[in-house]
Amino acid sequence: MIKNRETYEIIDPKDVGADDSQIILTARSGRAALRYCAQKLNFELTREKLDVAYDRFLSIADQHNHISNQQLVSLLESI
């Protein structure tokens, strides 16, 4: 049910000119969202690295409205 996009996306992003749907990382984002965005940026995280990255991510996310891809790359490269 959750894997079916039609459950939660009422319109296909391509219908409005977007390449694909995006996940915006905020302080409320979880580990799964962080891992997904890291994979989209070609970073594979082990469980241990994900835990470290998530702790650092929360510190940054508490200071900003959202985390940009550039900030995420910098964070992931530092691990």
C-alpha atoms as a PDB file:
ATOM      1  CA  MET A   1       0.000   0.000   0.000  1.00  0.00           C
ATOM      2  CA  ILE A   2       2.693   2.532   0.977  1.00  0.00           C
ATOM      3  CA  LYS A   3       4.913   1.552  -1.969  1.00  0.00           C
ATOM      4  CA  ASN A   4       2.094   2.513  -4.339  1.00  0.00           C
ATOM      5  CA  ARG A   5       2.592   6.227  -5.041  1.00  0.00           C
ATOM      6  CA  GLU A   6      -1.039   6.682  -6.013  1.00  0.00           C
ATOM      7  CA  THR A   7      -1.887   6.163  -2.335  1.00  0.00           C
ATOM      8  CA  TYR A   8      -0.318   9.474  -1.289  1.00  0.00           C
ATOM      9  CA  GLU A   9       0.457  11.396  -4.506  1.00  0.00           C
ATOM     10  CA  ILE A  10      -2.738  12.701  -6.033  1.00  0.00           C
ATOM     11  CA  ILE A  11      -0.905  14.018  -9.082  1.00  0.00           C
ATOM     12  CA  ASP A  12       2.126  12.768 -10.950  1.00  0.00           C
ATOM     13  CA  PRO A  13       5.001  15.281 -10.572  1.00  0.00           C
ATOM     14  CA  LYS A  14       5.701  14.973 -14.304  1.00  0.00           C
ATOM     15  CA  ASP A  15       2.209  16.300 -15.025  1.00  0.00           C
ATOM     16  CA  VAL A  16       3.212  19.668 -13.547  1.00  0.00           C
ATOM     17  CA  GLY A  17       6.710  19.833 -15.033  1.00  0.00           C
ATOM     18  CA  ALA A  18       8.779  18.303 -12.223  1.00  0.00           C
ATOM     19  CA  ASP A  19      11.237  15.523 -12.983  1.00  0.00           C
ATOM     20  CA  ASP A  20      10.245  13.471  -9.975  1.00  0.00           C
ATOM     21  CA  SER A  21       8.934  13.899  -6.455  1.00  0.00           C
ATOM     22  CA  GLN A  22      11.381  15.293  -3.905  1.00  0.00           C
ATOM     23  CA  ILE A  23      11.948  14.692  -0.256  1.00  0.00           C
ATOM     24  CA  ILE A  24      12.681  17.855   1.710  1.00  0.00           C
ATOM     25  CA  LEU A  25      14.890  17.085   4.689  1.00  0.00           C
ATOM     26  CA  THR A  26      13.924  18.911   7.874  1.00  0.00           C
ATOM     27  CA  ALA A  27      14.471  18.335  11.587  1.00  0.00           C
ATOM     28  CA  ARG A  28      11.389  16.096  11.508  1.00  0.00           C
ATOM     29  CA  SER A  29      12.815  13.781   8.830  1.00  0.00           C
ATOM     30  CA  GLY A  30      13.729  10.298   9.898  1.00  0.00           C
ATOM     31  CA  ARG A  31      16.603   7.940   9.171  1.00  0.00           C
ATOM     32  CA  ALA A  32      14.817   6.402   6.173  1.00  0.00           C
ATOM     33  CA  ALA A  33      14.501   9.805   4.489  1.00  0.00           C
ATOM     34  CA  LEU A  34      18.159  10.568   5.198  1.00  0.00           C
ATOM     35  CA  ARG A  35      19.253   7.202   3.804  1.00  0.00           C
ATOM     36  CA  TYR A  36      17.069   7.667   0.704  1.00  0.00           C
ATOM     37  CA  CYS A  37      18.499  11.131  -0.010  1.00  0.00           C
ATOM     38  CA  ALA A  38      22.043   9.862   0.586  1.00  0.00           C
ATOM     39  CA  GLN A  39      21.482   7.071  -1.924  1.00  0.00           C
ATOM     40  CA  LYS A  40      20.159   9.586  -4.466  1.00  0.00           C
ATOM     41  CA  LEU A  41      23.487  11.415  -4.018  1.00  0.00           C
ATOM     42  CA  ASN A  42      25.434   8.133  -4.493  1.00  0.00           C
ATOM     43  CA  PHE A  43      26.338   7.585  -0.831  1.00  0.00           C
ATOM     44  CA  GLU A  44      25.853   4.137   0.655  1.00  0.00           C
ATOM     45  CA  LEU A  45      25.594   4.236   4.441  1.00  0.00           C
ATOM     46  CA  THR A  46      26.151   1.336   6.794  1.00  0.00           C
ATOM     47  CA  ARG A  47      23.984   1.200   9.901  1.00  0.00           C
ATOM     48  CA  GLU A  48      26.806   2.715  11.966  1.00  0.00           C
ATOM     49  CA  LYS A  49      27.487   5.524   9.493  1.00  0.00           C
ATOM     50  CA  LEU A  50      23.761   6.234   9.228  1.00  0.00           C
ATOM     51  CA  ASP A  51      23.563   6.639  13.011  1.00  0.00           C
ATOM     52  CA  VAL A  52      26.504   9.086  12.998  1.00  0.00           C
ATOM     53  CA  ALA A  53      25.136  10.952   9.983  1.00  0.00           C
ATOM     54  CA  TYR A  54      21.682  11.191  11.535  1.00  0.00           C
ATOM     55  CA  ASP A  55      23.015  12.707  14.770  1.00  0.00           C
ATOM     56  CA  ARG A  56      24.971  15.313  12.802  1.00  0.00           C
ATOM     57  CA  PHE A  57      22.009  15.856  10.493  1.00  0.00           C
ATOM     58  CA  LEU A  58      19.726  16.658  13.434  1.00  0.00           C
ATOM     59  CA  SER A  59      22.222  19.217  14.750  1.00  0.00           C
ATOM     60  CA  ILE A  60      22.254  20.993  11.396  1.00  0.00           C
ATOM     61  CA  ALA A  61      18.511  20.617  10.804  1.00  0.00           C
ATOM     62  CA  ASP A  62      17.712  22.232  14.153  1.00  0.00           C
ATOM     63  CA  GLN A  63      19.450  25.390  12.917  1.00  0.00           C
ATOM     64  CA  HIS A  64      17.910  25.525   9.414  1.00  0.00           C
ATOM     65  CA  ASN A  65      14.444  25.172   7.904  1.00  0.00           C
ATOM     66  CA  HIS A  66      15.640  22.433   5.589  1.00  0.00           C
ATOM     67  CA  ILE A  67      18.884  20.776   4.527  1.00  0.00           C
ATOM     68  CA  SER A  68      20.085  21.393   0.979  1.00  0.00           C
ATOM     69  CA  ASN A  69      21.801  18.743  -1.134  1.00  0.00           C
ATOM     70  CA  GLN A  70      25.055  20.696  -0.808  1.00  0.00           C
ATOM     71  CA  GLN A  71      24.822  20.643   2.994  1.00  0.00           C
ATOM     72  CA  LEU A  72      23.972  16.944   2.913  1.00  0.00           C
ATOM     73  CA  VAL A  73      26.947  16.136   0.675  1.00  0.00           C
ATOM     74  CA  SER A  74      29.271  18.050   3.010  1.00  0.00           C
ATOM     75  CA  LEU A  75      27.869  16.183   6.001  1.00  0.00           C
ATOM     76  CA  LEU A  76      28.184  12.782   4.307  1.00  0.00           C
ATOM     77  CA  GLU A  77      31.725  13.437   3.084  1.00  0.00           C
ATOM     78  CA  SER A  78      32.811  14.241   6.635  1.00  0.00           C
ATOM     79  CA  ILE A  79      31.851  10.786   7.898  1.00  0.00           C
END
